[in-house]
N, C-alpha and C. Protein backbone atom coordinates (compact mmCIF):
# COMPACT_ATOMS: atom_id res chain seq x y z
N MET A 1 -29.51 -22.73 20.79
CA MET A 1 -29.91 -21.60 21.96
C MET A 1 -28.81 -20.22 21.18
N ALA A 2 -29.14 -19.13 21.14
CA ALA A 2 -28.14 -18.25 21.02
C ALA A 2 -27.54 -17.67 21.85
N ALA A 3 -26.43 -17.39 22.08
CA ALA A 3 -25.32 -16.54 23.16
C ALA A 3 -26.16 -15.10 23.38
N VAL A 4 -25.70 -14.63 24.92
CA VAL A 4 -26.07 -13.81 24.91
C VAL A 4 -24.62 -12.99 24.86
N MET A 5 -24.74 -11.77 24.45
CA MET A 5 -23.14 -11.17 24.21
C MET A 5 -23.17 -9.80 24.32
N LYS A 6 -22.20 -9.02 24.73
CA LYS A 6 -22.26 -7.84 25.24
C LYS A 6 -21.14 -7.09 24.40
N ALA A 7 -20.84 -6.16 23.52
CA ALA A 7 -19.70 -5.67 23.41
C ALA A 7 -19.38 -3.98 24.37
N LEU A 8 -18.61 -4.11 25.08
CA LEU A 8 -18.37 -3.05 25.97
C LEU A 8 -17.18 -2.51 25.38
N ALA A 9 -17.31 -0.44 25.17
CA ALA A 9 -16.56 0.25 25.06
C ALA A 9 -15.74 0.65 25.93
N VAL A 10 -14.73 -0.42 26.80
CA VAL A 10 -14.31 0.32 27.71
C VAL A 10 -13.07 0.63 27.63
N GLY A 11 -12.72 2.10 28.03
CA GLY A 11 -11.28 2.23 27.27
C GLY A 11 -10.26 2.54 28.22
N SER A 12 -9.25 2.98 27.98
CA SER A 12 -8.03 3.05 28.91
C SER A 12 -7.46 4.38 29.25
N PRO A 13 -8.28 5.27 29.75
CA PRO A 13 -8.08 6.65 29.27
C PRO A 13 -6.81 6.99 30.46
N VAL A 14 -6.02 8.03 30.11
CA VAL A 14 -4.74 8.07 30.92
C VAL A 14 -4.96 9.53 30.85
N SER A 15 -5.12 10.06 32.33
CA SER A 15 -5.32 11.59 32.89
C SER A 15 -4.16 11.89 33.13
N ALA A 16 -3.77 13.18 33.00
CA ALA A 16 -2.47 13.89 33.54
C ALA A 16 -3.01 14.51 34.79
N ARG A 17 -1.89 14.27 35.64
CA ARG A 17 -2.37 15.37 37.08
C ARG A 17 -0.64 15.65 37.12
N ALA A 18 -0.66 16.68 36.76
CA ALA A 18 0.62 17.42 37.15
C ALA A 18 0.82 17.55 38.60
N GLN A 19 2.12 16.89 38.79
CA GLN A 19 2.73 17.38 40.08
C GLN A 19 3.29 19.21 40.16
N PRO A 20 2.93 19.64 41.41
CA PRO A 20 3.66 20.73 41.50
C PRO A 20 4.94 21.47 41.01
N ARG A 21 4.86 22.09 40.06
CA ARG A 21 6.60 22.14 39.82
C ARG A 21 6.98 23.60 39.86
N LYS A 22 8.31 23.82 40.43
CA LYS A 22 8.70 25.17 40.64
C LYS A 22 9.38 26.08 39.55
N CYS A 23 9.41 26.62 39.00
CA CYS A 23 9.91 27.46 38.12
C CYS A 23 11.15 27.52 38.85
N VAL A 24 12.09 27.00 38.10
CA VAL A 24 13.71 27.21 38.44
C VAL A 24 14.44 27.49 37.18
N ALA A 25 15.32 28.59 37.12
CA ALA A 25 16.04 28.56 35.85
C ALA A 25 17.18 27.67 36.29
N GLY A 26 17.45 26.84 35.65
CA GLY A 26 18.65 25.83 35.12
C GLY A 26 18.11 24.56 35.30
N ALA A 27 16.94 24.26 36.05
CA ALA A 27 16.40 22.98 36.07
C ALA A 27 16.54 22.01 34.79
N ALA A 28 17.10 20.87 35.26
CA ALA A 28 17.24 19.81 34.39
C ALA A 28 16.25 18.70 33.37
N SER A 29 15.31 19.09 34.43
CA SER A 29 14.19 17.90 33.87
C SER A 29 13.11 18.28 34.85
N GLN A 30 11.67 18.19 34.21
CA GLN A 30 10.45 18.08 34.58
C GLN A 30 9.78 16.98 34.67
N GLN A 31 9.26 16.66 35.81
CA GLN A 31 8.47 15.21 36.19
C GLN A 31 7.06 15.70 36.22
N GLN A 32 6.52 14.76 35.60
CA GLN A 32 5.20 14.80 35.62
C GLN A 32 4.56 13.25 35.87
N SER A 33 3.47 13.42 36.73
CA SER A 33 2.64 12.09 37.54
C SER A 33 1.63 11.75 36.81
N LEU A 34 1.36 10.72 36.18
CA LEU A 34 0.22 10.20 35.29
C LEU A 34 -0.69 9.18 36.23
N GLN A 35 -1.61 9.13 36.20
CA GLN A 35 -2.53 8.17 36.72
C GLN A 35 -3.35 7.48 35.62
N SER A 36 -3.24 6.43 35.92
CA SER A 36 -4.16 5.52 34.47
C SER A 36 -5.28 4.81 35.80
N SER A 37 -6.51 5.94 34.61
CA SER A 37 -7.64 4.70 35.77
C SER A 37 -7.86 3.53 35.04
N PHE A 38 -7.25 2.77 34.16
CA PHE A 38 -7.17 1.49 33.64
C PHE A 38 -7.16 0.36 34.90
N ASN A 39 -5.93 0.72 35.01
CA ASN A 39 -5.23 -0.53 36.30
C ASN A 39 -4.74 0.23 37.41
N GLY A 40 -5.10 1.85 37.60
CA GLY A 40 -4.62 2.25 38.77
C GLY A 40 -3.06 2.85 39.15
N VAL A 41 -2.08 2.32 38.37
CA VAL A 41 -0.88 2.47 38.69
C VAL A 41 -0.07 4.06 38.28
N SER A 42 0.72 4.15 39.08
CA SER A 42 1.18 5.70 38.80
C SER A 42 1.94 5.54 38.03
N LEU A 43 2.52 6.49 36.97
CA LEU A 43 3.57 6.34 35.90
C LEU A 43 4.39 7.36 36.21
N GLN A 44 5.78 7.53 36.32
CA GLN A 44 6.42 8.82 36.31
C GLN A 44 7.26 9.11 35.17
N CYS A 45 6.93 10.18 34.39
CA CYS A 45 7.54 10.48 33.12
C CYS A 45 8.55 11.52 33.44
N ARG A 46 9.64 11.16 32.98
CA ARG A 46 10.68 12.70 32.79
C ARG A 46 10.66 12.95 31.53
N ARG A 47 11.01 14.19 31.45
CA ARG A 47 10.52 15.18 30.23
C ARG A 47 11.80 15.96 30.36
N SER A 48 13.11 15.45 29.22
CA SER A 48 13.98 16.75 29.71
C SER A 48 13.34 17.80 28.99
N SER A 49 13.85 18.62 29.63
CA SER A 49 13.80 19.92 28.44
C SER A 49 14.88 21.03 28.88
N ARG A 50 15.09 21.87 28.02
CA ARG A 50 15.90 23.15 28.60
C ARG A 50 15.43 23.82 29.51
N PRO A 51 16.08 24.80 29.81
CA PRO A 51 15.66 25.73 31.29
C PRO A 51 15.02 26.67 30.96
N ARG A 52 13.81 26.87 31.45
CA ARG A 52 13.28 28.34 30.60
C ARG A 52 13.23 29.06 31.75
N PRO A 53 12.85 30.26 31.46
CA PRO A 53 12.99 31.58 32.32
C PRO A 53 11.59 31.44 33.21
N CYS A 54 11.38 31.99 34.27
CA CYS A 54 10.14 31.97 35.09
C CYS A 54 9.26 32.81 33.86
N GLY A 55 8.04 32.60 34.33
CA GLY A 55 7.21 33.33 32.92
C GLY A 55 6.69 33.53 31.52
N THR A 56 7.80 32.14 31.04
CA THR A 56 7.58 32.03 29.79
C THR A 56 6.70 30.48 29.84
N PRO A 57 5.80 30.68 28.97
CA PRO A 57 4.82 29.39 28.25
C PRO A 57 5.77 28.32 28.61
N ARG A 58 4.80 27.11 29.08
CA ARG A 58 5.04 25.84 29.02
C ARG A 58 4.84 25.12 27.75
N SER A 59 5.47 24.18 27.00
CA SER A 59 5.53 23.28 25.86
C SER A 59 4.04 22.70 26.10
N SER A 60 3.83 22.38 24.79
CA SER A 60 2.82 21.58 25.00
C SER A 60 2.80 20.17 25.50
N PRO A 61 2.04 19.36 26.34
CA PRO A 61 1.99 18.32 27.38
C PRO A 61 2.36 17.12 26.63
N VAL A 62 3.01 16.38 27.19
CA VAL A 62 3.69 15.10 26.87
C VAL A 62 2.37 13.90 26.87
N GLN A 63 1.79 13.69 25.58
CA GLN A 63 1.13 12.54 25.40
C GLN A 63 1.39 10.94 25.68
N VAL A 64 0.94 10.48 26.56
CA VAL A 64 1.48 9.24 27.02
C VAL A 64 -0.28 8.12 25.96
N VAL A 65 0.22 7.45 25.71
CA VAL A 65 -0.72 6.26 24.55
C VAL A 65 -0.21 4.70 25.63
N MET A 66 -1.22 3.88 26.44
CA MET A 66 -1.02 2.92 26.81
C MET A 66 -1.88 1.76 26.13
N MET A 67 -1.44 0.92 25.29
CA MET A 67 -1.71 -0.24 25.08
C MET A 67 -1.48 -1.71 25.50
N ALA A 68 -2.65 -2.21 25.58
CA ALA A 68 -2.66 -3.11 26.44
C ALA A 68 -2.61 -4.34 25.38
N LYS A 69 -2.06 -5.41 26.10
CA LYS A 69 -1.26 -6.59 24.93
C LYS A 69 -2.64 -7.08 25.04
N PRO A 70 -3.21 -7.67 23.94
CA PRO A 70 -4.62 -8.39 23.78
C PRO A 70 -4.45 -9.89 24.24
N SER A 71 -5.37 -9.91 25.13
CA SER A 71 -5.39 -11.18 25.90
C SER A 71 -6.73 -11.68 26.04
N ILE A 72 -6.96 -12.99 26.35
CA ILE A 72 -8.48 -13.73 26.17
C ILE A 72 -8.33 -14.04 27.66
N GLN A 73 -9.47 -13.92 28.52
CA GLN A 73 -9.71 -14.32 30.03
C GLN A 73 -11.25 -15.29 29.94
N PHE A 74 -10.81 -16.05 31.06
CA PHE A 74 -12.07 -17.06 31.60
C PHE A 74 -12.46 -16.58 33.17
N ILE A 75 -11.49 -15.92 33.85
CA ILE A 75 -11.52 -15.27 34.88
C ILE A 75 -11.05 -14.19 34.82
N GLN A 76 -11.78 -12.94 35.37
CA GLN A 76 -11.29 -12.00 35.07
C GLN A 76 -10.04 -11.74 35.62
N GLY A 77 -9.05 -11.02 35.07
CA GLY A 77 -7.98 -10.81 35.60
C GLY A 77 -6.91 -11.62 36.04
N THR A 78 -7.02 -12.61 35.06
CA THR A 78 -6.19 -14.17 34.84
C THR A 78 -6.16 -14.43 33.28
N ASP A 79 -5.31 -14.19 32.68
CA ASP A 79 -4.87 -14.26 31.09
C ASP A 79 -5.11 -16.00 31.07
N GLU A 80 -5.57 -16.05 29.81
CA GLU A 80 -5.68 -17.53 29.47
C GLU A 80 -4.15 -17.49 28.51
N GLN A 81 -3.28 -18.43 28.65
CA GLN A 81 -1.77 -18.92 28.10
C GLN A 81 -1.83 -19.72 27.24
N THR A 82 -2.67 -20.53 27.06
CA THR A 82 -3.02 -21.30 25.73
C THR A 82 -3.96 -20.62 24.76
N ILE A 83 -3.31 -20.95 23.56
CA ILE A 83 -3.19 -20.12 22.29
C ILE A 83 -4.72 -21.08 21.55
N PRO A 84 -6.04 -20.37 21.34
CA PRO A 84 -7.13 -21.37 20.66
C PRO A 84 -7.00 -21.49 19.22
N ASP A 85 -7.91 -22.75 19.00
CA ASP A 85 -8.37 -22.85 17.53
C ASP A 85 -9.56 -21.72 17.54
N VAL A 86 -9.51 -20.80 16.12
CA VAL A 86 -10.54 -20.12 15.94
C VAL A 86 -11.37 -20.26 14.70
N ARG A 87 -12.42 -20.76 14.80
CA ARG A 87 -13.39 -21.00 13.61
C ARG A 87 -14.50 -19.99 13.32
N LEU A 88 -14.69 -19.09 12.00
CA LEU A 88 -15.05 -17.87 12.07
C LEU A 88 -16.28 -18.42 11.15
N THR A 89 -17.44 -18.47 11.32
CA THR A 89 -18.31 -18.27 9.78
C THR A 89 -19.08 -16.72 10.31
N LYS A 90 -19.39 -16.58 8.61
CA LYS A 90 -20.26 -15.27 8.43
C LYS A 90 -21.43 -15.47 7.52
N SER A 91 -22.42 -14.97 7.94
CA SER A 91 -23.64 -15.36 7.05
C SER A 91 -23.56 -14.57 5.23
N ARG A 92 -24.29 -15.25 4.52
CA ARG A 92 -24.05 -14.77 3.15
C ARG A 92 -24.10 -13.15 2.87
N ASP A 93 -25.08 -12.27 3.85
CA ASP A 93 -25.15 -11.10 3.33
C ASP A 93 -23.98 -9.97 4.14
N GLY A 94 -23.43 -11.18 5.18
CA GLY A 94 -22.12 -9.86 5.54
C GLY A 94 -23.15 -9.89 6.90
N THR A 95 -24.04 -9.88 7.01
CA THR A 95 -24.85 -8.70 8.57
C THR A 95 -24.12 -9.32 9.78
N ASN A 96 -24.03 -10.96 10.12
CA ASN A 96 -23.63 -11.38 11.26
C ASN A 96 -22.37 -12.35 11.30
N GLY A 97 -22.42 -12.92 12.09
CA GLY A 97 -21.12 -14.16 12.32
C GLY A 97 -20.92 -14.43 13.23
N VAL A 98 -20.41 -15.87 13.72
CA VAL A 98 -20.18 -16.54 14.82
C VAL A 98 -18.87 -17.10 14.94
N ALA A 99 -17.65 -16.91 16.19
CA ALA A 99 -16.39 -17.31 16.00
C ALA A 99 -16.89 -18.27 17.14
N ILE A 100 -15.83 -19.36 16.84
CA ILE A 100 -16.32 -20.83 17.91
C ILE A 100 -14.45 -20.59 18.49
N PHE A 101 -14.19 -20.34 19.45
CA PHE A 101 -13.27 -20.53 20.14
C PHE A 101 -12.81 -22.25 20.98
N THR A 102 -11.65 -22.84 20.20
CA THR A 102 -11.49 -23.83 20.84
C THR A 102 -9.96 -24.12 21.77
N PHE A 103 -9.89 -24.18 23.17
CA PHE A 103 -8.88 -24.29 23.81
C PHE A 103 -8.59 -25.77 24.16
N GLU A 104 -7.52 -26.18 24.19
CA GLU A 104 -7.36 -27.63 24.25
C GLU A 104 -6.31 -27.42 25.37
N GLN A 105 -6.63 -28.43 26.55
CA GLN A 105 -5.65 -28.40 28.09
C GLN A 105 -5.76 -26.61 28.25
N PRO A 106 -6.74 -26.11 28.27
CA PRO A 106 -6.50 -24.36 28.78
C PRO A 106 -5.50 -24.27 30.40
N SER A 107 -5.36 -23.11 30.54
CA SER A 107 -4.33 -22.48 31.55
C SER A 107 -5.06 -22.59 32.84
N VAL A 108 -6.56 -22.27 32.23
CA VAL A 108 -7.63 -21.84 33.41
C VAL A 108 -7.71 -23.10 33.94
N PHE A 109 -8.11 -24.31 33.89
CA PHE A 109 -8.10 -25.40 34.69
C PHE A 109 -6.73 -25.54 35.93
N ASP A 110 -5.87 -25.44 35.74
CA ASP A 110 -4.98 -25.06 36.57
C ASP A 110 -5.09 -24.51 37.44
N SER A 111 -5.36 -23.00 37.34
CA SER A 111 -5.55 -21.99 38.76
C SER A 111 -7.06 -21.60 38.65
N SER A 112 -8.02 -22.19 38.54
CA SER A 112 -9.31 -22.01 39.14
C SER A 112 -9.67 -22.47 40.05
N ALA A 113 -8.78 -23.29 40.80
CA ALA A 113 -9.01 -23.53 42.40
C ALA A 113 -8.70 -22.70 42.77
N GLU A 114 -7.80 -22.03 43.03
CA GLU A 114 -7.40 -20.60 43.53
C GLU A 114 -7.99 -19.41 43.50
N LEU A 115 -7.80 -19.22 42.09
CA LEU A 115 -8.78 -18.13 41.81
C LEU A 115 -10.15 -17.37 41.64
N GLY A 116 -11.11 -18.99 41.61
CA GLY A 116 -12.50 -19.60 41.37
C GLY A 116 -12.84 -19.64 40.02
N ASP A 117 -14.13 -19.45 39.84
CA ASP A 117 -14.82 -20.12 38.58
C ASP A 117 -14.92 -19.46 37.54
N ILE A 118 -14.89 -19.82 36.54
CA ILE A 118 -15.15 -19.39 35.23
C ILE A 118 -16.45 -18.47 35.18
N THR A 119 -16.27 -17.10 34.66
CA THR A 119 -17.56 -16.45 34.50
C THR A 119 -17.86 -15.97 33.28
N GLY A 120 -16.91 -16.24 32.34
CA GLY A 120 -17.43 -15.89 30.96
C GLY A 120 -16.33 -16.22 30.24
N PHE A 121 -16.26 -15.22 29.05
CA PHE A 121 -15.01 -15.27 28.19
C PHE A 121 -14.96 -14.02 27.98
N TYR A 122 -13.67 -13.63 28.00
CA TYR A 122 -13.48 -12.04 27.91
C TYR A 122 -12.28 -11.67 26.90
N MET A 123 -12.43 -11.05 25.83
CA MET A 123 -11.64 -10.53 24.36
C MET A 123 -11.27 -9.13 25.42
N ILE A 124 -9.99 -8.82 25.45
CA ILE A 124 -9.43 -7.48 26.29
C ILE A 124 -8.65 -6.95 25.37
N ASP A 125 -8.49 -5.72 24.28
CA ASP A 125 -7.56 -5.12 23.78
C ASP A 125 -7.30 -3.45 24.42
N GLU A 126 -6.89 -2.45 23.36
CA GLU A 126 -6.58 -1.39 24.27
C GLU A 126 -8.25 -0.72 23.39
N GLU A 127 -8.86 -1.00 22.57
CA GLU A 127 -10.34 -0.68 22.57
C GLU A 127 -11.19 -1.31 23.56
N GLY A 128 -11.08 -2.07 24.41
CA GLY A 128 -12.37 -2.29 25.54
C GLY A 128 -12.10 -4.19 25.46
N VAL A 129 -13.13 -4.23 26.16
CA VAL A 129 -13.36 -5.88 26.23
C VAL A 129 -14.68 -6.13 25.59
N LEU A 130 -14.61 -7.14 24.88
CA LEU A 130 -15.33 -8.19 24.08
C LEU A 130 -15.99 -9.34 25.08
N GLN A 131 -16.99 -9.40 25.32
CA GLN A 131 -17.53 -10.67 26.37
C GLN A 131 -18.47 -11.67 25.69
N SER A 132 -19.01 -12.69 26.06
CA SER A 132 -19.75 -13.78 26.03
C SER A 132 -19.90 -14.63 27.30
N VAL A 133 -20.77 -15.42 27.65
CA VAL A 133 -21.11 -15.97 28.28
C VAL A 133 -21.36 -17.93 27.98
N ASP A 134 -21.31 -17.83 26.43
CA ASP A 134 -21.27 -19.00 26.04
C ASP A 134 -20.38 -19.70 26.12
N VAL A 135 -19.96 -20.74 27.24
CA VAL A 135 -18.94 -20.96 27.37
C VAL A 135 -19.15 -22.35 28.13
N SER A 136 -18.40 -23.56 27.36
CA SER A 136 -18.37 -24.77 27.67
C SER A 136 -17.62 -25.47 27.96
N ALA A 137 -17.71 -26.25 29.07
CA ALA A 137 -16.20 -27.16 29.10
C ALA A 137 -16.49 -28.56 28.61
N LYS A 138 -15.39 -29.32 28.46
CA LYS A 138 -15.85 -30.74 27.63
C LYS A 138 -14.85 -31.29 28.57
N PHE A 139 -15.12 -32.92 28.90
CA PHE A 139 -14.38 -33.70 29.93
C PHE A 139 -14.52 -35.02 29.33
N VAL A 140 -12.93 -35.46 29.41
CA VAL A 140 -12.77 -36.71 29.37
C VAL A 140 -12.11 -37.39 30.59
N ASN A 141 -12.87 -39.09 30.58
CA ASN A 141 -12.72 -39.59 31.95
C ASN A 141 -12.87 -38.75 33.08
N GLY A 142 -13.84 -37.86 33.46
CA GLY A 142 -13.94 -37.07 34.68
C GLY A 142 -13.03 -35.77 34.48
N LYS A 143 -11.97 -35.86 33.87
CA LYS A 143 -11.35 -34.47 33.66
C LYS A 143 -11.45 -33.47 32.77
N PRO A 144 -11.31 -32.45 33.11
CA PRO A 144 -11.55 -31.36 32.26
C PRO A 144 -10.51 -31.12 31.27
N ALA A 145 -10.72 -31.27 29.73
CA ALA A 145 -9.81 -31.20 28.80
C ALA A 145 -9.88 -30.10 27.61
N ARG A 146 -11.46 -29.72 27.62
CA ARG A 146 -11.14 -28.67 26.35
C ARG A 146 -12.59 -27.71 27.27
N ILE A 147 -12.27 -25.94 26.27
CA ILE A 147 -13.00 -25.19 26.81
C ILE A 147 -13.35 -24.70 24.99
N GLU A 148 -14.78 -24.28 24.73
CA GLU A 148 -15.10 -24.13 23.58
C GLU A 148 -16.15 -23.02 24.25
N ALA A 149 -15.65 -21.99 23.46
CA ALA A 149 -16.39 -20.71 23.73
C ALA A 149 -17.18 -19.92 22.52
N LYS A 150 -18.19 -19.45 22.68
CA LYS A 150 -18.66 -18.97 21.20
C LYS A 150 -18.78 -17.49 21.41
N TYR A 151 -18.64 -17.01 20.39
CA TYR A 151 -19.08 -15.18 20.12
C TYR A 151 -19.87 -14.74 19.19
N VAL A 152 -20.69 -14.44 19.30
CA VAL A 152 -21.96 -14.20 18.16
C VAL A 152 -21.59 -12.51 17.87
N MET A 153 -21.83 -12.41 16.87
CA MET A 153 -21.62 -11.07 16.46
C MET A 153 -22.95 -10.77 15.92
N ARG A 154 -23.56 -9.61 15.91
CA ARG A 154 -25.21 -9.68 15.03
C ARG A 154 -25.23 -8.49 14.06
N THR A 155 -24.04 -7.55 14.25
CA THR A 155 -23.87 -6.58 12.98
C THR A 155 -22.46 -6.32 12.68
N PRO A 156 -22.77 -5.38 11.42
CA PRO A 156 -21.27 -5.63 11.05
C PRO A 156 -19.95 -4.91 12.01
N ARG A 157 -20.73 -3.92 12.70
CA ARG A 157 -20.02 -3.07 13.32
C ARG A 157 -19.30 -3.99 14.63
N GLU A 158 -20.12 -4.97 14.99
CA GLU A 158 -19.56 -5.66 15.81
C GLU A 158 -18.24 -6.77 15.25
N TRP A 159 -19.05 -7.32 13.95
CA TRP A 159 -17.85 -7.63 13.16
C TRP A 159 -16.43 -7.28 13.07
N ASP A 160 -16.76 -6.15 12.71
CA ASP A 160 -15.43 -5.47 12.43
C ASP A 160 -14.76 -5.10 13.85
N ARG A 161 -15.19 -4.88 14.72
CA ARG A 161 -14.73 -4.71 16.07
C ARG A 161 -13.96 -5.92 16.75
N PHE A 162 -14.51 -7.13 16.33
CA PHE A 162 -14.43 -8.43 16.58
C PHE A 162 -13.09 -8.82 15.64
N MET A 163 -12.68 -8.41 14.24
CA MET A 163 -11.46 -8.59 13.66
C MET A 163 -10.57 -7.91 13.94
N ARG A 164 -11.15 -6.24 14.75
CA ARG A 164 -9.78 -5.56 14.89
C ARG A 164 -9.24 -6.53 16.12
N PHE A 165 -9.75 -6.89 17.02
CA PHE A 165 -9.43 -7.71 18.20
C PHE A 165 -8.22 -8.81 17.80
N MET A 166 -8.81 -9.87 16.95
CA MET A 166 -8.28 -10.85 16.16
C MET A 166 -7.02 -10.55 15.61
N GLU A 167 -7.16 -9.66 14.77
CA GLU A 167 -5.92 -8.99 13.99
C GLU A 167 -4.80 -8.66 15.36
N ARG A 168 -5.23 -7.96 16.34
CA ARG A 168 -4.33 -7.76 17.46
C ARG A 168 -3.67 -8.95 18.25
N TYR A 169 -4.73 -9.78 18.13
CA TYR A 169 -4.32 -11.10 19.06
C TYR A 169 -3.72 -11.98 18.46
N SER A 170 -3.52 -11.81 16.85
CA SER A 170 -2.99 -12.73 16.01
C SER A 170 -1.63 -12.22 16.23
N GLN A 171 -1.60 -10.90 16.00
CA GLN A 171 0.07 -10.41 15.63
C GLN A 171 0.99 -10.75 17.32
N ALA A 172 -0.11 -10.88 18.60
CA ALA A 172 0.86 -10.56 19.55
C ALA A 172 0.93 -11.90 19.54
N ASN A 173 0.50 -13.24 19.14
CA ASN A 173 0.52 -14.74 19.66
C ASN A 173 1.20 -15.67 18.35
N GLY A 174 1.31 -14.83 17.17
CA GLY A 174 1.90 -15.55 16.11
C GLY A 174 0.98 -16.52 15.39
N LEU A 175 -0.05 -15.96 15.21
CA LEU A 175 -1.02 -16.82 14.34
C LEU A 175 -1.32 -16.64 13.05
N GLN A 176 -1.99 -17.24 12.18
CA GLN A 176 -2.08 -16.71 11.02
C GLN A 176 -3.53 -17.34 10.84
N PHE A 177 -4.34 -16.68 9.94
CA PHE A 177 -5.50 -16.83 9.19
C PHE A 177 -5.81 -18.05 8.21
N VAL A 178 -6.17 -19.21 8.02
CA VAL A 178 -6.33 -19.80 6.79
C VAL A 178 -7.83 -20.07 6.52
N LYS A 179 -7.99 -19.93 5.23
CA LYS A 179 -9.44 -20.37 4.63
C LYS A 179 -9.58 -21.24 4.15
N ASN A 180 -10.89 -22.16 4.49
CA ASN A 180 -10.95 -23.09 4.17
C ASN A 180 -12.57 -22.91 2.85
């Protein structure tokens, strides 16, 4: 049975909301408040500048880029600490593919009692979220031992997006690609 999969383009835009500034000659710094709609954290950025006389144009705004560390989650908001074994297959014509993630003794088993049930398989990076609901747990002697998650890519665009996630995830976690 094919997995149900969605690729969401959820960004992490940062909108600048400048606090009121007073035009004072000799001011050593200007302060700007940034509100991230991604996680609701208020950031305070100090920009040192030379004093400018009242009435002179402001310099261009400061651009802040927030980079999210690539992560995998089974319960939204809780990063999986176990690094998976990932197997990739791609069709001969290159139009679709499947990634199978195997987690031996995943940390989600330790925290699922407090945080709730596994709701899906979420791959999160600065481009957004890739998700799948094709997740299965394997039990040994009645105890959870392994999780397998399958992510299906139906188009070359989905394949490219997945590969960008894997590049970021592998760099963040010291993984390497081995072709069989």
